């Protein structure tokens, strides 16, 4: 199970929206959105059942990705 942290997403991001988008890559186990702190820039942690290689490819493709006026980044969490 891989945990991936996404930031730079729009404030109105939803768990369902994240799940639908990422299930194209692989099975999504859970999605947690953290809006504490800066509600305009939520943090999202997604647990996915994907390989190390696929997790690396996903995070490198998404990091520094400009989408709809927001710079999105993804980081593979080690724990």
PDB file of N, CA and C in Angstrom:
ATOM      1  N   UNK A   1       0.849  -1.172   0.000  1.00  0.00           N
ATOM      2  CA  UNK A   1       0.000   0.000   0.000  1.00  0.00           C
ATOM      3  C   UNK A   1       0.898   1.240   0.000  1.00  0.00           C
ATOM      4  N   UNK A   2       0.644   2.156  -0.903  1.00  0.00           N
ATOM      5  CA  UNK A   2       1.428   3.385  -1.025  1.00  0.00           C
ATOM      6  C   UNK A   2       0.574   4.564  -0.562  1.00  0.00           C
ATOM      7  N   UNK A   3       1.193   5.485   0.187  1.00  0.00           N
ATOM      8  CA  UNK A   3       0.531   6.715   0.605  1.00  0.00           C
ATOM      9  C   UNK A   3       1.138   7.859  -0.192  1.00  0.00           C
ATOM     10  N   UNK A   4       0.261   8.641  -0.815  1.00  0.00           N
ATOM     11  CA  UNK A   4       0.713   9.762  -1.631  1.00  0.00           C
ATOM     12  C   UNK A   4       0.037  11.027  -1.126  1.00  0.00           C
ATOM     13  N   UNK A   5       0.843  12.057  -0.904  1.00  0.00           N
ATOM     14  CA  UNK A   5       0.356  13.356  -0.449  1.00  0.00           C
ATOM     15  C   UNK A   5       0.249  14.287  -1.647  1.00  0.00           C
ATOM     16  N   UNK A   6      -0.921  14.884  -1.816  1.00  0.00           N
ATOM     17  CA  UNK A   6      -1.143  15.871  -2.871  1.00  0.00           C
ATOM     18  C   UNK A   6      -1.410  17.221  -2.227  1.00  0.00           C
ATOM     19  N   UNK A   7      -0.799  18.273  -2.768  1.00  0.00           N
ATOM     20  CA  UNK A   7      -1.135  19.619  -2.331  1.00  0.00           C
ATOM     21  C   UNK A   7      -1.247  20.519  -3.547  1.00  0.00           C
ATOM     22  N   UNK A   8      -1.825  21.703  -3.333  1.00  0.00           N
ATOM     23  CA  UNK A   8      -2.040  22.629  -4.433  1.00  0.00           C
ATOM     24  C   UNK A   8      -3.362  22.412  -5.146  1.00  0.00           C
ATOM     25  N   UNK A   9      -4.221  21.587  -4.563  1.00  0.00           N
ATOM     26  CA  UNK A   9      -5.519  21.322  -5.181  1.00  0.00           C
ATOM     27  C   UNK A   9      -6.500  22.447  -4.858  1.00  0.00           C
ATOM     28  N   UNK A  10      -7.565  22.526  -5.610  1.00  0.00           N
ATOM     29  CA  UNK A  10      -8.582  23.557  -5.402  1.00  0.00           C
ATOM     30  C   UNK A  10      -9.281  23.330  -4.057  1.00  0.00           C
ATOM     31  N   UNK A  11      -9.761  24.386  -3.418  1.00  0.00           N
ATOM     32  CA  UNK A  11     -10.426  24.258  -2.122  1.00  0.00           C
ATOM     33  C   UNK A  11     -11.666  23.369  -2.158  1.00  0.00           C
ATOM     34  N   UNK A  12     -12.343  23.304  -3.290  1.00  0.00           N
ATOM     35  CA  UNK A  12     -13.579  22.515  -3.373  1.00  0.00           C
ATOM     36  C   UNK A  12     -13.353  21.050  -3.756  1.00  0.00           C
ATOM     37  N   UNK A  13     -12.104  20.588  -3.711  1.00  0.00           N
ATOM     38  CA  UNK A  13     -11.796  19.199  -4.035  1.00  0.00           C
ATOM     39  C   UNK A  13     -12.607  18.255  -3.132  1.00  0.00           C
ATOM     40  N   UNK A  14     -13.048  17.123  -3.708  1.00  0.00           N
ATOM     41  CA  UNK A  14     -13.825  16.146  -2.937  1.00  0.00           C
ATOM     42  C   UNK A  14     -13.136  14.792  -2.948  1.00  0.00           C
ATOM     43  N   UNK A  15     -13.457  13.996  -1.945  1.00  0.00           N
ATOM     44  CA  UNK A  15     -12.908  12.637  -1.889  1.00  0.00           C
ATOM     45  C   UNK A  15     -13.322  11.848  -3.119  1.00  0.00           C
ATOM     46  N   UNK A  16     -14.568  11.976  -3.517  1.00  0.00           N
ATOM     47  CA  UNK A  16     -15.065  11.235  -4.680  1.00  0.00           C
ATOM     48  C   UNK A  16     -14.345  11.670  -5.956  1.00  0.00           C
ATOM     49  N   UNK A  17     -14.112  12.959  -6.113  1.00  0.00           N
ATOM     50  CA  UNK A  17     -13.404  13.447  -7.291  1.00  0.00           C
ATOM     51  C   UNK A  17     -11.991  12.914  -7.379  1.00  0.00           C
ATOM     52  N   UNK A  18     -11.302  12.896  -6.249  1.00  0.00           N
ATOM     53  CA  UNK A  18      -9.942  12.349  -6.202  1.00  0.00           C
ATOM     54  C   UNK A  18      -9.967  10.860  -6.514  1.00  0.00           C
ATOM     55  N   UNK A  19     -10.902  10.149  -5.890  1.00  0.00           N
ATOM     56  CA  UNK A  19     -11.008   8.700  -6.098  1.00  0.00           C
ATOM     57  C   UNK A  19     -11.250   8.371  -7.571  1.00  0.00           C
ATOM     58  N   UNK A  20     -12.172   9.058  -8.198  1.00  0.00           N
ATOM     59  CA  UNK A  20     -12.492   8.807  -9.613  1.00  0.00           C
ATOM     60  C   UNK A  20     -11.275   9.076 -10.495  1.00  0.00           C
ATOM     61  N   UNK A  21     -10.571  10.173 -10.230  1.00  0.00           N
ATOM     62  CA  UNK A  21      -9.408  10.522 -11.044  1.00  0.00           C
ATOM     63  C   UNK A  21      -8.284   9.503 -10.891  1.00  0.00           C
ATOM     64  N   UNK A  22      -8.032   9.047  -9.662  1.00  0.00           N
ATOM     65  CA  UNK A  22      -6.895   8.165  -9.423  1.00  0.00           C
ATOM     66  C   UNK A  22      -7.186   6.693  -9.676  1.00  0.00           C
ATOM     67  N   UNK A  23      -8.446   6.299  -9.702  1.00  0.00           N
ATOM     68  CA  UNK A  23      -8.748   4.900 -10.000  1.00  0.00           C
ATOM     69  C   UNK A  23      -8.392   4.539 -11.435  1.00  0.00           C
ATOM     70  N   UNK A  24      -8.129   5.541 -12.266  1.00  0.00           N
ATOM     71  CA  UNK A  24      -7.634   5.287 -13.620  1.00  0.00           C
ATOM     72  C   UNK A  24      -6.201   4.766 -13.571  1.00  0.00           C
ATOM     73  N   UNK A  25      -5.492   5.089 -12.468  1.00  0.00           N
ATOM     74  CA  UNK A  25      -4.106   4.658 -12.285  1.00  0.00           C
ATOM     75  C   UNK A  25      -4.042   3.312 -11.581  1.00  0.00           C
ATOM     76  N   UNK A  26      -4.884   3.135 -10.560  1.00  0.00           N
ATOM     77  CA  UNK A  26      -4.880   1.891  -9.789  1.00  0.00           C
ATOM     78  C   UNK A  26      -5.904   1.954  -8.670  1.00  0.00           C
ATOM     79  N   UNK A  27      -6.064   0.836  -7.936  1.00  0.00           N
ATOM     80  CA  UNK A  27      -7.051   0.770  -6.866  1.00  0.00           C
ATOM     81  C   UNK A  27      -6.758   1.776  -5.744  1.00  0.00           C
ATOM     82  N   UNK A  28      -7.793   2.537  -5.368  1.00  0.00           N
ATOM     83  CA  UNK A  28      -7.681   3.514  -4.293  1.00  0.00           C
ATOM     84  C   UNK A  28      -8.286   2.913  -3.028  1.00  0.00           C
ATOM     85  N   UNK A  29      -7.472   2.823  -1.986  1.00  0.00           N
ATOM     86  CA  UNK A  29      -7.934   2.269  -0.714  1.00  0.00           C
ATOM     87  C   UNK A  29      -8.646   3.330   0.123  1.00  0.00           C
ATOM     88  N   UNK A  30      -8.050   4.534   0.216  1.00  0.00           N
ATOM     89  CA  UNK A  30      -8.676   5.598   1.000  1.00  0.00           C
ATOM     90  C   UNK A  30      -8.218   6.965   0.511  1.00  0.00           C
ATOM     91  N   UNK A  31      -9.062   7.960   0.790  1.00  0.00           N
ATOM     92  CA  UNK A  31      -8.769   9.357   0.473  1.00  0.00           C
ATOM     93  C   UNK A  31      -9.123  10.175   1.711  1.00  0.00           C
ATOM     94  N   UNK A  32      -8.170  10.966   2.199  1.00  0.00           N
ATOM     95  CA  UNK A  32      -8.422  11.845   3.342  1.00  0.00           C
ATOM     96  C   UNK A  32      -8.026  13.262   2.947  1.00  0.00           C
ATOM     97  N   UNK A  33      -8.951  14.199   3.162  1.00  0.00           N
ATOM     98  CA  UNK A  33      -8.705  15.600   2.846  1.00  0.00           C
ATOM     99  C   UNK A  33      -8.567  16.369   4.152  1.00  0.00           C
ATOM    100  N   UNK A  34      -7.474  17.119   4.268  1.00  0.00           N
ATOM    101  CA  UNK A  34      -7.207  17.925   5.453  1.00  0.00           C
ATOM    102  C   UNK A  34      -7.317  19.395   5.068  1.00  0.00           C
ATOM    103  N   UNK A  35      -8.293  20.068   5.665  1.00  0.00           N
ATOM    104  CA  UNK A  35      -8.543  21.471   5.358  1.00  0.00           C
ATOM    105  C   UNK A  35      -8.115  22.399   6.501  1.00  0.00           C
ATOM    106  N   UNK A  36      -7.610  21.851   7.590  1.00  0.00           N
ATOM    107  CA  UNK A  36      -7.161  22.671   8.703  1.00  0.00           C
ATOM    108  C   UNK A  36      -5.960  23.503   8.257  1.00  0.00           C
ATOM    109  N   UNK A  37      -5.782  24.622   8.890  1.00  0.00           N
ATOM    110  CA  UNK A  37      -4.678  25.501   8.488  1.00  0.00           C
ATOM    111  C   UNK A  37      -5.129  26.410   7.371  1.00  0.00           C
ATOM    112  N   UNK A  38      -4.751  26.123   6.154  1.00  0.00           N
ATOM    113  CA  UNK A  38      -5.113  26.936   5.001  1.00  0.00           C
ATOM    114  C   UNK A  38      -6.213  26.226   4.212  1.00  0.00           C
ATOM    115  N   UNK A  39      -7.458  26.601   4.476  1.00  0.00           N
ATOM    116  CA  UNK A  39      -8.601  25.945   3.820  1.00  0.00           C
ATOM    117  C   UNK A  39      -8.594  26.145   2.303  1.00  0.00           C
ATOM    118  N   UNK A  40      -7.909  27.172   1.836  1.00  0.00           N
ATOM    119  CA  UNK A  40      -7.846  27.433   0.395  1.00  0.00           C
ATOM    120  C   UNK A  40      -6.875  26.495  -0.317  1.00  0.00           C
ATOM    121  N   UNK A  41      -6.083  25.758   0.456  1.00  0.00           N
ATOM    122  CA  UNK A  41      -5.111  24.836  -0.127  1.00  0.00           C
ATOM    123  C   UNK A  41      -5.083  23.537   0.687  1.00  0.00           C
ATOM    124  N   UNK A  42      -6.099  22.686   0.510  1.00  0.00           N
ATOM    125  CA  UNK A  42      -6.166  21.457   1.303  1.00  0.00           C
ATOM    126  C   UNK A  42      -5.053  20.474   0.958  1.00  0.00           C
ATOM    127  N   UNK A  43      -4.717  19.650   1.936  1.00  0.00           N
ATOM    128  CA  UNK A  43      -3.790  18.536   1.731  1.00  0.00           C
ATOM    129  C   UNK A  43      -4.619  17.276   1.567  1.00  0.00           C
ATOM    130  N   UNK A  44      -4.208  16.419   0.656  1.00  0.00           N
ATOM    131  CA  UNK A  44      -4.935  15.177   0.409  1.00  0.00           C
ATOM    132  C   UNK A  44      -3.945  14.028   0.516  1.00  0.00           C
ATOM    133  N   UNK A  45      -4.302  13.028   1.335  1.00  0.00           N
ATOM    134  CA  UNK A  45      -3.491  11.812   1.431  1.00  0.00           C
ATOM    135  C   UNK A  45      -4.317  10.660   0.865  1.00  0.00           C
ATOM    136  N   UNK A  46      -3.743  10.004  -0.113  1.00  0.00           N
ATOM    137  CA  UNK A  46      -4.414   8.900  -0.796  1.00  0.00           C
ATOM    138  C   UNK A  46      -3.608   7.630  -0.577  1.00  0.00           C
ATOM    139  N   UNK A  47      -4.280   6.571  -0.164  1.00  0.00           N
ATOM    140  CA  UNK A  47      -3.643   5.257  -0.064  1.00  0.00           C
ATOM    141  C   UNK A  47      -4.074   4.446  -1.276  1.00  0.00           C
ATOM    142  N   UNK A  48      -3.073   3.951  -2.008  1.00  0.00           N
ATOM    143  CA  UNK A  48      -3.351   3.192  -3.218  1.00  0.00           C
ATOM    144  C   UNK A  48      -2.601   1.865  -3.198  1.00  0.00           C
ATOM    145  N   UNK A  49      -3.211   0.869  -3.769  1.00  0.00           N
ATOM    146  CA  UNK A  49      -2.587  -0.438  -3.888  1.00  0.00           C
ATOM    147  C   UNK A  49      -1.922  -0.518  -5.266  1.00  0.00           C
ATOM    148  N   UNK A  50      -0.733   0.122  -5.359  1.00  0.00           N
ATOM    149  CA  UNK A  50       0.006   0.157  -6.616  1.00  0.00           C
ATOM    150  C   UNK A  50       1.474  -0.179  -6.344  1.00  0.00           C
ATOM    151  N   UNK A  51       2.198  -0.491  -7.394  1.00  0.00           N
ATOM    152  CA  UNK A  51       3.609  -0.856  -7.264  1.00  0.00           C
ATOM    153  C   UNK A  51       4.467   0.374  -6.975  1.00  0.00           C
ATOM    154  N   UNK A  52       5.694   0.131  -6.545  1.00  0.00           N
ATOM    155  CA  UNK A  52       6.651   1.217  -6.326  1.00  0.00           C
ATOM    156  C   UNK A  52       6.867   2.009  -7.612  1.00  0.00           C
ATOM    157  N   UNK A  53       7.007   1.303  -8.705  1.00  0.00           N
ATOM    158  CA  UNK A  53       7.255   1.949  -9.994  1.00  0.00           C
ATOM    159  C   UNK A  53       6.096   2.848 -10.393  1.00  0.00           C
ATOM    160  N   UNK A  54       4.886   2.343 -10.255  1.00  0.00           N
ATOM    161  CA  UNK A  54       3.713   3.134 -10.623  1.00  0.00           C
ATOM    162  C   UNK A  54       3.554   4.342  -9.693  1.00  0.00           C
ATOM    163  N   UNK A  55       3.847   4.173  -8.409  1.00  0.00           N
ATOM    164  CA  UNK A  55       3.784   5.293  -7.459  1.00  0.00           C
ATOM    165  C   UNK A  55       4.798   6.365  -7.847  1.00  0.00           C
ATOM    166  N   UNK A  56       5.996   5.951  -8.214  1.00  0.00           N
ATOM    167  CA  UNK A  56       7.024   6.898  -8.641  1.00  0.00           C
ATOM    168  C   UNK A  56       6.581   7.640  -9.904  1.00  0.00           C
ATOM    169  N   UNK A  57       6.056   6.909 -10.867  1.00  0.00           N
ATOM    170  CA  UNK A  57       5.607   7.532 -12.113  1.00  0.00           C
ATOM    171  C   UNK A  57       4.480   8.534 -11.855  1.00  0.00           C
ATOM    172  N   UNK A  58       3.548   8.178 -10.983  1.00  0.00           N
ATOM    173  CA  UNK A  58       2.439   9.066 -10.663  1.00  0.00           C
ATOM    174  C   UNK A  58       2.936  10.354 -10.017  1.00  0.00           C
ATOM    175  N   UNK A  59       3.802  10.230  -9.027  1.00  0.00           N
ATOM    176  CA  UNK A  59       4.262  11.425  -8.318  1.00  0.00           C
ATOM    177  C   UNK A  59       5.129  12.316  -9.209  1.00  0.00           C
ATOM    178  N   UNK A  60       5.935  11.730 -10.068  1.00  0.00           N
ATOM    179  CA  UNK A  60       6.769  12.568 -10.937  1.00  0.00           C
ATOM    180  C   UNK A  60       5.945  13.252 -12.025  1.00  0.00           C
ATOM    181  N   UNK A  61       4.883  12.625 -12.475  1.00  0.00           N
ATOM    182  CA  UNK A  61       4.024  13.252 -13.491  1.00  0.00           C
ATOM    183  C   UNK A  61       3.188  14.386 -12.907  1.00  0.00           C
ATOM    184  N   UNK A  62       2.789  14.251 -11.659  1.00  0.00           N
ATOM    185  CA  UNK A  62       1.911  15.245 -11.050  1.00  0.00           C
ATOM    186  C   UNK A  62       2.693  16.403 -10.443  1.00  0.00           C
ATOM    187  N   UNK A  63       3.907  16.182  -9.990  1.00  0.00           N
ATOM    188  CA  UNK A  63       4.684  17.232  -9.342  1.00  0.00           C
ATOM    189  C   UNK A  63       4.951  18.389 -10.307  1.00  0.00           C
ATOM    190  N   UNK A  64       4.704  19.594  -9.810  1.00  0.00           N
ATOM    191  CA  UNK A  64       4.851  20.832 -10.594  1.00  0.00           C
ATOM    192  C   UNK A  64       3.932  20.851 -11.818  1.00  0.00           C
ATOM    193  N   UNK A  65       2.751  20.292 -11.658  1.00  0.00           N
ATOM    194  CA  UNK A  65       1.754  20.254 -12.733  1.00  0.00           C
ATOM    195  C   UNK A  65       0.793  21.418 -12.533  1.00  0.00           C
ATOM    196  N   UNK A  66       0.730  22.304 -13.497  1.00  0.00           N
ATOM    197  CA  UNK A  66      -0.139  23.472 -13.420  1.00  0.00           C
ATOM    198  C   UNK A  66      -1.510  23.089 -13.960  1.00  0.00           C
ATOM    199  N   UNK A  67      -2.545  23.211 -13.105  1.00  0.00           N
ATOM    200  CA  UNK A  67      -3.895  22.820 -13.523  1.00  0.00           C
ATOM    201  C   UNK A  67      -4.908  23.818 -12.985  1.00  0.00           C
ATOM    202  N   UNK A  68      -5.640  24.431 -13.857  1.00  0.00           N
ATOM    203  CA  UNK A  68      -6.748  25.308 -13.500  1.00  0.00           C
ATOM    204  C   UNK A  68      -6.341  26.390 -12.490  1.00  0.00           C
ATOM    205  N   UNK A  69      -5.190  26.982 -12.711  1.00  0.00           N
ATOM    206  CA  UNK A  69      -4.723  28.066 -11.862  1.00  0.00           C
ATOM    207  C   UNK A  69      -4.040  27.637 -10.577  1.00  0.00           C
ATOM    208  N   UNK A  70      -3.746  26.355 -10.440  1.00  0.00           N
ATOM    209  CA  UNK A  70      -3.105  25.838  -9.235  1.00  0.00           C
ATOM    210  C   UNK A  70      -1.908  24.960  -9.607  1.00  0.00           C
ATOM    211  N   UNK A  71      -0.830  25.111  -8.853  1.00  0.00           N
ATOM    212  CA  UNK A  71       0.354  24.267  -9.025  1.00  0.00           C
ATOM    213  C   UNK A  71       0.181  23.041  -8.119  1.00  0.00           C
ATOM    214  N   UNK A  72       0.000  21.886  -8.714  1.00  0.00           N
ATOM    215  CA  UNK A  72      -0.232  20.655  -7.959  1.00  0.00           C
ATOM    216  C   UNK A  72       1.089  19.910  -7.785  1.00  0.00           C
ATOM    217  N   UNK A  73       1.266  19.352  -6.599  1.00  0.00           N
ATOM    218  CA  UNK A  73       2.447  18.548  -6.299  1.00  0.00           C
ATOM    219  C   UNK A  73       2.021  17.247  -5.638  1.00  0.00           C
ATOM    220  N   UNK A  74       2.820  16.228  -5.818  1.00  0.00           N
ATOM    221  CA  UNK A  74       2.564  14.929  -5.201  1.00  0.00           C
ATOM    222  C   UNK A  74       3.874  14.407  -4.609  1.00  0.00           C
ATOM    223  N   UNK A  75       3.757  13.801  -3.435  1.00  0.00           N
ATOM    224  CA  UNK A  75       4.928  13.262  -2.736  1.00  0.00           C
ATOM    225  C   UNK A  75       4.580  11.871  -2.206  1.00  0.00           C
ATOM    226  N   UNK A  76       5.462  10.944  -2.432  1.00  0.00           N
ATOM    227  CA  UNK A  76       5.294   9.595  -1.905  1.00  0.00           C
ATOM    228  C   UNK A  76       5.723   9.607  -0.448  1.00  0.00           C
ATOM    229  N   UNK A  77       4.810   9.224   0.450  1.00  0.00           N
ATOM    230  CA  UNK A  77       5.112   9.179   1.872  1.00  0.00           C
ATOM    231  C   UNK A  77       5.748   7.830   2.205  1.00  0.00           C
ATOM    232  N   UNK A  78       6.758   7.864   3.020  1.00  0.00           N
ATOM    233  CA  UNK A  78       7.478   6.640   3.327  1.00  0.00           C
ATOM    234  C   UNK A  78       6.845   5.852   4.474  1.00  0.00           C
ATOM    235  N   UNK A  79       5.971   6.451   5.233  1.00  0.00           N
ATOM    236  CA  UNK A  79       5.331   5.738   6.353  1.00  0.00           C
ATOM    237  C   UNK A  79       3.839   5.810   6.252  1.00  0.00           C
TER     238      UNK A  79
END
